[in-house]
Protein backbone atom coordinates (compact mmCIF):
# COMPACT_ATOMS: atom_id res chain seq x y z
CA MET A 1 12.51 -12.16 -14.87
CA PRO A 2 13.09 -9.24 -17.29
CA VAL A 3 16.51 -7.59 -17.60
CA MET A 4 16.67 -3.79 -17.77
CA ASP A 5 16.77 -2.38 -21.30
CA GLU A 6 20.05 -0.65 -22.13
CA ASN A 7 18.25 2.61 -22.85
CA LEU A 8 16.88 2.63 -19.29
CA ILE A 9 20.12 1.78 -17.48
CA THR A 10 21.22 5.39 -17.93
CA VAL A 11 17.96 6.59 -16.40
CA PHE A 12 18.38 4.28 -13.42
CA ASP A 13 22.00 5.34 -12.89
CA GLU A 14 20.84 8.95 -12.87
CA VAL A 15 18.12 8.15 -10.32
CA VAL A 16 20.73 6.61 -8.00
CA ALA A 17 23.13 9.53 -8.46
CA ARG A 18 20.44 12.18 -7.89
CA ASN A 19 18.96 10.41 -4.87
CA PRO A 20 21.94 9.08 -2.86
CA GLY A 21 21.26 6.73 0.03
CA GLU A 22 17.55 6.29 -0.79
CA THR A 23 17.73 2.52 -1.20
CA GLU A 24 13.98 1.85 -1.10
CA PHE A 25 13.39 4.40 -3.87
CA HIS A 26 16.18 2.83 -5.94
CA GLN A 27 14.57 -0.60 -5.46
CA ALA A 28 11.13 0.62 -6.54
CA THR A 29 12.42 2.39 -9.66
CA ARG A 30 14.57 -0.59 -10.66
CA GLU A 31 11.59 -2.93 -10.56
CA VAL A 32 9.55 -0.69 -12.86
CA LEU A 33 12.40 0.06 -15.26
CA GLU A 34 13.20 -3.64 -15.59
CA SER A 35 9.62 -4.24 -16.74
CA ILE A 36 8.98 -1.44 -19.22
CA GLY A 37 11.83 -2.05 -21.68
CA PRO A 38 9.52 -3.68 -24.28
CA VAL A 39 7.16 -0.68 -24.08
CA VAL A 40 9.93 1.87 -24.62
CA ALA A 41 11.25 -0.17 -27.56
CA LYS A 42 7.77 -0.29 -29.12
CA HIS A 43 7.02 3.40 -28.44
CA PRO A 44 10.10 5.54 -29.17
CA GLU A 45 8.07 8.67 -28.40
CA TYR A 46 8.43 7.85 -24.70
CA THR A 47 12.21 8.02 -25.06
CA SER A 48 12.34 11.10 -27.26
CA ALA A 49 10.12 13.03 -24.84
CA GLU A 50 12.13 11.77 -21.84
CA VAL A 51 8.91 10.54 -20.27
CA VAL A 52 10.64 7.89 -18.16
CA ARG A 53 13.26 10.31 -16.83
CA ARG A 54 10.57 12.85 -15.94
CA LEU A 55 8.42 10.16 -14.34
CA CYS A 56 11.26 9.26 -11.95
CA GLU A 57 11.54 12.84 -10.71
CA PRO A 58 8.81 14.06 -8.30
CA GLU A 59 6.87 17.13 -9.35
CA ARG A 60 7.25 18.52 -5.83
CA GLN A 61 9.03 17.46 -2.62
CA ILE A 62 8.01 19.15 0.62
CA ILE A 63 10.03 18.75 3.84
CA PHE A 64 9.19 20.67 6.99
CA ARG A 65 9.77 20.65 10.74
CA VAL A 66 6.98 19.66 13.12
CA PRO A 67 7.42 21.09 16.64
CA TRP A 68 5.01 19.96 19.36
CA THR A 69 4.88 19.71 23.15
CA ASP A 70 4.55 16.48 25.08
CA ASP A 71 2.43 16.05 28.22
CA ALA A 72 5.35 17.14 30.40
CA GLY A 73 5.55 20.46 28.54
CA ARG A 74 8.80 19.57 26.76
CA VAL A 75 9.24 20.68 23.15
CA GLN A 76 9.62 17.76 20.75
CA LEU A 77 10.69 17.97 17.11
CA ASN A 78 9.91 15.75 14.15
CA ARG A 79 10.27 16.05 10.41
CA GLY A 80 7.32 16.06 8.02
CA PHE A 81 7.27 15.04 4.36
CA ARG A 82 4.95 15.18 1.37
CA VAL A 83 6.19 14.03 -2.04
CA GLU A 84 3.72 15.03 -4.74
CA PHE A 85 5.08 12.71 -7.39
CA ASN A 86 2.82 12.82 -10.44
CA SER A 87 -0.50 14.50 -11.23
CA ALA A 88 -0.91 13.47 -14.88
CA LEU A 89 -4.06 11.46 -14.14
CA GLY A 90 -5.62 13.59 -11.41
CA PRO A 91 -4.96 15.25 -8.05
CA TYR A 92 -2.15 13.79 -5.99
CA LYS A 93 -3.41 10.86 -3.92
CA GLY A 94 -1.59 8.78 -1.33
CA GLY A 95 -1.35 8.11 2.36
CA LEU A 96 0.51 9.58 5.31
CA ARG A 97 2.79 7.30 7.35
CA PHE A 98 3.78 8.08 10.94
CA HIS A 99 6.67 5.79 11.90
CA PRO A 100 10.26 6.24 13.14
CA SER A 101 11.61 4.69 9.91
CA VAL A 102 10.15 7.45 7.72
CA TYR A 103 12.67 9.51 5.76
CA LEU A 104 12.68 11.00 2.29
CA GLY A 105 13.69 7.75 0.55
CA ILE A 106 10.78 5.81 2.08
CA VAL A 107 8.30 8.52 1.12
CA LYS A 108 9.63 8.68 -2.45
CA PHE A 109 9.48 4.92 -2.91
CA LEU A 110 5.89 4.89 -1.66
CA GLY A 111 4.95 7.86 -3.84
CA PHE A 112 6.53 6.30 -6.92
CA GLU A 113 4.64 3.03 -6.34
CA GLN A 114 1.47 5.04 -5.83
CA ILE A 115 1.65 6.49 -9.35
CA PHE A 116 1.26 3.06 -10.96
CA LYS A 117 -1.11 1.68 -8.33
CA ASN A 118 -3.48 4.62 -8.82
CA SER A 119 -3.20 4.30 -12.57
CA LEU A 120 -4.22 0.63 -12.39
CA THR A 121 -7.44 1.47 -10.54
CA GLY A 122 -8.73 3.22 -13.66
CA LEU A 123 -9.78 6.17 -11.49
CA PRO A 124 -8.60 9.77 -12.06
CA ILE A 125 -5.98 10.12 -9.32
CA GLY A 126 -2.27 10.93 -9.37
CA GLY A 127 0.45 9.60 -7.09
CA ALA A 128 1.84 11.01 -3.83
CA LYS A 129 2.88 9.98 -0.33
CA GLY A 130 3.80 11.68 2.91
CA GLY A 131 4.35 11.26 6.60
CA SER A 132 6.67 11.85 9.50
CA ASP A 133 9.23 10.09 11.69
CA PHE A 134 6.81 10.62 14.60
CA ASP A 135 5.86 7.42 16.43
CA PRO A 136 2.26 7.36 17.76
CA LYS A 137 3.02 4.27 19.87
CA GLY A 138 3.29 5.10 23.55
CA LYS A 139 1.92 8.60 23.07
CA SER A 140 -1.16 9.91 24.85
CA GLU A 141 -4.27 11.01 22.96
CA ALA A 142 -3.39 14.63 23.71
CA GLU A 143 0.16 14.21 22.39
CA VAL A 144 -1.08 12.60 19.17
CA MET A 145 -3.58 15.43 18.73
CA ARG A 146 -0.96 18.15 19.27
CA PHE A 147 1.40 16.50 16.83
CA CYS A 148 -1.30 16.13 14.15
CA GLN A 149 -2.31 19.76 14.55
CA SER A 150 1.28 20.97 14.21
CA PHE A 151 1.80 18.70 11.19
CA MET A 152 -1.32 20.04 9.46
CA THR A 153 -0.41 23.66 10.28
CA GLU A 154 2.30 23.35 7.63
CA LEU A 155 0.87 20.74 5.28
CA TYR A 156 -2.56 22.35 4.79
CA ARG A 157 -1.23 24.92 2.31
CA TYR A 158 -0.42 22.16 -0.20
CA LEU A 159 -3.72 20.26 0.04
CA GLY A 160 -7.15 20.48 -1.56
CA GLU A 161 -9.75 18.22 -3.17
CA HIS A 162 -8.48 19.22 -6.64
CA THR A 163 -4.81 19.40 -5.63
CA ASP A 164 -3.63 16.78 -3.15
CA VAL A 165 -5.74 14.35 -1.12
CA PRO A 166 -3.92 12.39 1.63
CA ALA A 167 -5.21 9.31 3.43
CA GLY A 168 -3.87 7.08 6.18
CA ASP A 169 -1.06 4.54 6.19
CA ILE A 170 1.04 2.91 8.92
CA GLY A 171 0.51 4.83 12.17
CA VAL A 172 -2.30 6.95 10.72
CA GLY A 173 -5.78 5.59 11.36
CA GLY A 174 -9.19 7.09 11.97
CA ARG A 175 -8.03 8.91 15.11
CA GLU A 176 -5.17 10.68 13.33
CA ILE A 177 -7.27 11.47 10.24
CA GLY A 178 -9.86 13.05 12.55
CA TYR A 179 -7.32 15.34 14.20
CA LEU A 180 -5.77 16.24 10.84
CA PHE A 181 -9.10 17.00 9.18
CA GLY A 182 -10.38 18.97 12.16
CA HIS A 183 -7.33 21.21 12.10
CA TYR A 184 -7.51 21.61 8.30
CA LYS A 185 -11.15 22.70 8.64
CA ARG A 186 -10.28 25.17 11.37
CA ILE A 187 -7.36 26.73 9.48
CA THR A 188 -9.12 27.03 6.13
CA ASN A 189 -12.64 27.79 7.41
CA ARG A 190 -13.95 25.36 4.77
CA TYR A 191 -15.60 21.97 5.13
CA GLU A 192 -13.84 20.29 2.19
CA SER A 193 -14.66 16.63 2.83
CA GLY A 194 -12.76 15.53 -0.26
CA THR A 195 -9.41 16.85 1.00
CA LEU A 196 -8.73 13.84 3.22
CA THR A 197 -9.95 10.24 2.91
CA GLY A 198 -10.29 7.56 5.53
CA LYS A 199 -12.66 9.79 7.49
CA GLY A 200 -15.23 8.60 10.01
CA LEU A 201 -18.57 7.46 8.62
CA THR A 202 -20.47 10.24 10.39
CA TRP A 203 -18.38 13.03 8.89
CA GLY A 204 -17.78 12.21 5.24
CA GLY A 205 -16.16 8.80 5.29
CA SER A 206 -16.98 5.84 3.07
CA GLN A 207 -18.25 2.41 3.91
CA VAL A 208 -15.60 -0.31 3.25
CA ARG A 209 -12.68 2.16 3.39
CA THR A 210 -11.38 0.60 6.60
CA GLU A 211 -11.61 -2.88 5.11
CA ALA A 212 -10.63 -1.98 1.55
CA THR A 213 -6.91 -2.76 1.33
CA GLY A 214 -7.21 -6.14 3.04
CA TYR A 215 -10.44 -7.05 1.24
CA GLY A 216 -9.02 -5.91 -2.09
CA THR A 217 -5.90 -8.05 -1.71
CA VAL A 218 -8.03 -11.11 -1.09
CA PHE A 219 -10.35 -10.28 -4.01
CA PHE A 220 -7.25 -10.15 -6.21
CA VAL A 221 -6.09 -13.56 -4.98
CA GLU A 222 -9.59 -14.92 -5.57
CA GLU A 223 -9.17 -13.97 -9.23
CA MET A 224 -5.69 -15.57 -9.31
CA LEU A 225 -7.21 -18.80 -8.00
CA ALA A 226 -10.03 -18.58 -10.53
CA THR A 227 -7.54 -18.74 -13.41
CA SER A 228 -6.94 -22.36 -12.29
CA ARG A 229 -10.64 -22.97 -11.54
CA ASP A 230 -9.84 -22.94 -7.83
CA THR A 231 -11.18 -21.11 -4.76
CA PHE A 232 -10.17 -20.21 -1.20
CA GLU A 233 -12.25 -23.06 0.21
CA GLY A 234 -10.13 -25.04 2.67
CA LYS A 235 -6.92 -23.19 1.79
CA ARG A 236 -4.31 -22.69 4.52
CA VAL A 237 -3.23 -19.04 4.58
CA VAL A 238 -0.56 -17.06 6.43
CA VAL A 239 -0.90 -13.27 6.81
CA SER A 240 1.97 -11.17 8.15
CA GLY A 241 1.15 -8.12 10.22
CA SER A 242 -1.82 -7.53 12.50
CA GLY A 243 -2.77 -3.99 11.60
CA ASN A 244 -5.65 -2.76 9.50
CA VAL A 245 -4.62 -4.46 6.23
CA ALA A 246 -3.88 -7.80 7.86
CA ILE A 247 -7.03 -7.87 9.99
CA TYR A 248 -9.36 -7.34 7.06
CA ALA A 249 -7.42 -9.67 4.78
CA ILE A 250 -7.95 -12.33 7.46
CA GLU A 251 -11.65 -11.46 7.66
CA LYS A 252 -12.24 -11.80 3.92
CA VAL A 253 -10.20 -15.03 3.65
CA HIS A 254 -12.41 -16.56 6.35
CA GLN A 255 -15.56 -15.33 4.60
CA LEU A 256 -14.40 -17.06 1.40
CA GLY A 257 -13.70 -20.38 3.13
CA GLY A 258 -9.96 -20.19 3.78
CA VAL A 259 -8.23 -20.59 7.15
CA VAL A 260 -5.64 -18.06 8.33
CA VAL A 261 -3.39 -19.85 10.82
CA ALA A 262 -0.80 -17.15 11.60
CA CYS A 263 -0.33 -13.39 11.88
CA SER A 264 2.41 -11.23 13.36
CA ASP A 265 3.73 -7.96 14.68
CA SER A 266 7.20 -6.55 15.30
CA ASN A 267 7.64 -8.79 18.37
CA GLY A 268 6.96 -12.14 16.70
CA TYR A 269 4.09 -14.17 15.32
CA VAL A 270 1.21 -16.21 16.66
CA LEU A 271 0.29 -19.66 15.35
CA ASP A 272 -3.34 -20.74 15.75
CA GLU A 273 -4.02 -23.98 13.88
CA ALA A 274 -7.77 -23.65 14.45
CA GLY A 275 -7.77 -20.34 12.58
CA ILE A 276 -7.26 -16.82 13.91
CA ASP A 277 -10.12 -15.69 16.16
CA LEU A 278 -10.79 -12.40 14.42
CA ASP A 279 -13.09 -10.94 17.07
CA LEU A 280 -10.40 -11.44 19.71
CA LEU A 281 -7.66 -10.06 17.46
CA LYS A 282 -9.73 -6.94 16.69
CA GLU A 283 -10.43 -6.39 20.36
CA ILE A 284 -6.75 -6.61 21.26
CA LYS A 285 -5.41 -4.56 18.33
CA ASP A 286 -8.15 -1.99 17.74
CA GLN A 287 -9.58 -1.39 21.19
CA GLN A 288 -6.62 -2.15 23.47
CA ARG A 289 -3.74 -1.37 21.07
CA GLY A 290 -2.14 -4.61 22.30
CA ARG A 291 0.27 -7.13 20.78
CA VAL A 292 -0.18 -10.55 19.19
CA SER A 293 1.47 -12.03 22.29
CA ASP A 294 -1.64 -10.83 24.16
CA TYR A 295 -3.74 -12.76 21.64
CA ALA A 296 -1.85 -15.96 22.43
CA THR A 297 -2.31 -15.40 26.18
CA ARG A 298 -6.02 -14.68 25.87
CA ARG A 299 -6.73 -17.45 23.35
CA GLY A 300 -4.92 -20.10 25.39
CA GLY A 301 -4.89 -23.80 24.48
CA PRO A 302 -2.40 -24.89 21.83
CA VAL A 303 -2.00 -21.37 20.40
CA ARG A 304 1.67 -20.35 20.45
CA HIS A 305 3.49 -17.02 20.28
CA ILE A 306 6.90 -17.36 18.60
CA LYS A 307 9.16 -14.44 19.42
CA ASP A 308 12.21 -15.52 17.43
CA GLY A 309 11.83 -16.82 13.91
CA SER A 310 9.91 -15.93 10.79
CA ILE A 311 6.21 -16.20 10.10
CA TRP A 312 7.20 -17.55 6.70
CA ASP A 313 8.36 -20.75 8.44
CA VAL A 314 4.67 -21.65 8.81
CA PRO A 315 3.50 -23.99 6.02
CA CYS A 316 0.75 -22.52 3.86
CA GLU A 317 -0.75 -22.61 0.39
CA ILE A 318 -1.22 -18.81 0.20
CA ALA A 319 1.02 -16.16 1.76
CA LEU A 320 -0.11 -12.55 2.17
CA PRO A 321 2.70 -10.21 3.36
CA CYS A 322 0.72 -7.33 4.87
CA ALA A 323 3.21 -5.70 7.26
CA THR A 324 5.96 -3.52 5.77
CA GLN A 325 8.58 -3.21 3.04
CA ASN A 326 11.21 -5.93 2.49
CA GLU A 327 9.81 -8.25 5.15
CA LEU A 328 9.99 -11.33 2.90
CA ASN A 329 13.53 -12.15 1.70
CA GLY A 330 15.12 -14.85 -0.43
CA ASN A 331 15.44 -17.37 2.39
CA ASP A 332 11.80 -16.80 3.32
CA ALA A 333 10.79 -17.41 -0.29
CA ARG A 334 12.71 -20.71 -0.35
CA ARG A 335 10.95 -21.87 2.82
CA LEU A 336 7.55 -20.95 1.42
CA ILE A 337 8.29 -22.95 -1.74
CA ALA A 338 9.58 -25.94 0.25
CA ASN A 339 6.39 -25.88 2.34
CA GLY A 340 4.12 -25.93 -0.70
CA CYS A 341 3.08 -22.30 -1.10
CA LYS A 342 1.42 -21.65 -4.47
CA ILE A 343 0.47 -17.95 -4.31
CA VAL A 344 2.09 -14.86 -2.75
CA ALA A 345 0.18 -11.57 -2.93
CA GLU A 346 1.47 -8.33 -1.42
CA GLY A 347 -0.97 -6.58 0.89
CA ALA A 348 1.78 -4.18 2.01
CA ASN A 349 3.89 -1.89 -0.19
CA MET A 350 6.98 -3.68 -1.59
CA PRO A 351 7.17 -6.28 1.22
CA SER A 352 9.16 -8.73 -0.92
CA THR A 353 12.82 -8.22 -1.79
CA PRO A 354 13.93 -8.49 -5.45
CA GLU A 355 15.70 -11.76 -4.61
CA ALA A 356 12.50 -13.19 -3.13
CA ILE A 357 10.45 -12.22 -6.19
CA LYS A 358 13.01 -13.82 -8.51
CA ILE A 359 13.04 -17.07 -6.52
CA LEU A 360 9.25 -17.24 -6.39
CA HIS A 361 8.99 -16.53 -10.11
CA GLU A 362 11.53 -19.20 -11.05
CA ALA A 363 9.72 -21.75 -8.88
CA GLY A 364 6.42 -21.07 -10.62
CA VAL A 365 4.74 -19.50 -7.59
CA LYS A 366 2.09 -17.00 -8.65
CA PHE A 367 3.17 -13.59 -7.37
CA ALA A 368 1.04 -10.43 -7.21
CA PRO A 369 2.91 -7.14 -6.58
CA GLY A 370 1.52 -4.62 -4.11
CA LYS A 371 0.81 -1.96 -6.72
CA ALA A 372 -1.84 -4.33 -8.12
CA ALA A 373 -2.91 -6.51 -5.20
CA ASN A 374 -3.28 -3.80 -2.55
CA ALA A 375 -4.76 -1.12 -4.79
CA GLY A 376 -8.17 -1.60 -3.17
CA GLY A 377 -7.37 0.88 -0.43
CA VAL A 378 -6.69 3.83 -2.69
CA ALA A 379 -9.48 2.75 -5.04
CA THR A 380 -11.99 3.02 -2.20
CA SER A 381 -10.45 6.34 -1.19
CA ALA A 382 -11.28 7.55 -4.70
CA LEU A 383 -14.81 6.24 -4.22
CA GLU A 384 -14.93 8.24 -0.98
CA MET A 385 -13.91 11.32 -2.99
CA GLN A 386 -16.76 10.61 -5.43
CA GLN A 387 -19.27 10.44 -2.59
CA ASN A 388 -17.92 13.66 -1.05
CA ALA A 389 -18.12 15.48 -4.40
CA SER A 390 -21.76 14.48 -4.89
CA ARG A 391 -22.72 14.93 -1.20
CA ASP A 392 -23.79 11.29 -1.25
CA SER A 393 -23.26 8.16 0.85
CA TRP A 394 -23.31 4.61 -0.49
CA SER A 395 -24.24 1.38 1.27
CA PHE A 396 -21.62 -1.13 2.40
CA GLU A 397 -22.86 -3.67 -0.13
CA HIS A 398 -22.74 -1.25 -3.07
CA THR A 399 -19.26 0.01 -2.16
CA GLU A 400 -17.89 -3.50 -1.66
CA GLU A 401 -19.31 -4.50 -5.02
CA ARG A 402 -17.54 -1.54 -6.63
CA LEU A 403 -14.30 -2.54 -4.90
CA ALA A 404 -14.56 -6.16 -6.04
CA GLY A 405 -15.20 -5.02 -9.60
CA ILE A 406 -12.15 -2.73 -9.58
CA MET A 407 -9.92 -5.53 -8.27
CA ARG A 408 -11.19 -7.91 -10.96
CA SER A 409 -10.46 -5.28 -13.58
CA ILE A 410 -6.92 -4.73 -12.25
CA HIS A 411 -6.26 -8.47 -12.23
CA ASP A 412 -7.50 -8.95 -15.78
CA ARG A 413 -5.59 -5.92 -17.04
CA CYS A 414 -2.34 -7.20 -15.52
CA LEU A 415 -2.73 -10.62 -17.16
CA GLU A 416 -3.78 -9.20 -20.54
CA THR A 417 -0.87 -6.75 -20.59
CA ALA A 418 1.63 -9.44 -19.62
CA ASP A 419 0.30 -11.60 -22.48
CA ASP A 420 0.55 -8.70 -24.93
CA TYR A 421 4.23 -8.24 -24.10
CA GLY A 422 5.22 -11.89 -24.17
CA GLN A 423 5.27 -12.55 -20.41
CA PRO A 424 2.15 -14.69 -19.83
CA GLY A 425 1.17 -15.01 -16.18
CA ASP A 426 3.73 -12.43 -15.00
CA TYR A 427 1.72 -10.09 -12.78
CA VAL A 428 4.74 -7.88 -12.05
CA THR A 429 5.39 -7.11 -15.70
CA GLY A 430 1.69 -6.70 -16.41
CA ALA A 431 1.12 -4.31 -13.51
CA ASN A 432 4.16 -2.17 -14.26
CA ILE A 433 3.49 -1.85 -17.99
CA ALA A 434 -0.25 -1.27 -17.64
CA GLY A 435 0.29 1.35 -14.95
CA PHE A 436 3.11 3.04 -16.85
CA THR A 437 1.49 3.38 -20.27
CA LYS A 438 -1.60 5.20 -19.00
CA VAL A 439 0.49 7.77 -17.12
CA ALA A 440 3.03 8.12 -19.94
CA ASP A 441 0.33 8.77 -22.54
CA ALA A 442 -1.18 11.50 -20.36
CA MET A 443 2.23 13.12 -19.91
CA LEU A 444 2.76 13.13 -23.68
CA ALA A 445 -0.63 14.73 -24.21
CA PHE A 446 0.21 17.54 -21.75
CA GLY A 447 3.47 18.51 -23.43
CA LEU A 448 6.62 19.30 -21.52
CA ILE A 449 5.53 19.28 -17.87
């Protein structure tokens, strides 16, 4: 694994000092800075123009209060965030996360990752992220609607199809996007479809957007397998999580001939040796907002729900962490290696700790970082923006074909860049350098911004 260039250690120390306590943001910046040393050495103009230092500082950070009333008439208070990190390549683009863990450091780490992820897609979009410490779980429809309307009452002034285009993330699905867009439309008196992505198909949404992050991750792994003249056929796969990304990663793995034997949520994981019954999982998670323990009860037979333990204990050839950040640690990586895992690809954002990545790399396990492997979601959001701008709507087949092509391009670009900088097969280095250089060159062209 690369060691951080001396010229960048000062930048990283400054990031830590200027952003105290934001450990996830520190982790994300360290990973990138450890990769781009060879680029900075080869291109001194990046150093002289302080491109890296500027890139680590968001262009704008917005924090606001979100008051709302619950069904009992009590006033509740949450905090809202939007970090508009970099717009060198296009309008800010990145999701909104509603989860109790959200604080400024989480939003900044996600926004920083989004810069490079969006760059890798080859589409003209900058990087941003936002959200709130609001928890939609256990809330009524009316409470979720009131919160979303209060949240948008403040956020709307910073948005626009040429300015900042949010989408969904953890805790923000089609329901929340609908409430947010409806309130944006009411406040602005404009039907700007391109201001939010992840919309419903009948009011400006795109085919494949729901499936895109999960599908895209699997398309990326398909390309990783192809480098060894291999396929998904008959492969045993484990997918963490059971939300949108995990569900559609499972679906695409099954379509390509693999077998997903386990998935999880915050209360444990379910092991189904026959392969996850996707129709049942969708019914429980999407329609009933249930838990994977409900899946085990409904499925019956030898299917087991394991409350204590790690999903990474389950032997597999391919592991897809699709839940949340830092869910796969060093011990998990060692167990995956011992059980014969050959590929790990991140469907979530930064789900693997630095120790885990190092262990996997040293063991020769192919590892795809989230900024490359899960870029399909934001790529299809950009395709949704294209359709909105042209007042057009594409078929599922055409949109999926575009998505698959983008993921192939990202895969090839990562490998080619890693080769160019003397790190053959290192997807982390390839993704970070390829994403960085495109943004850095645009920043140089714009002057001191």
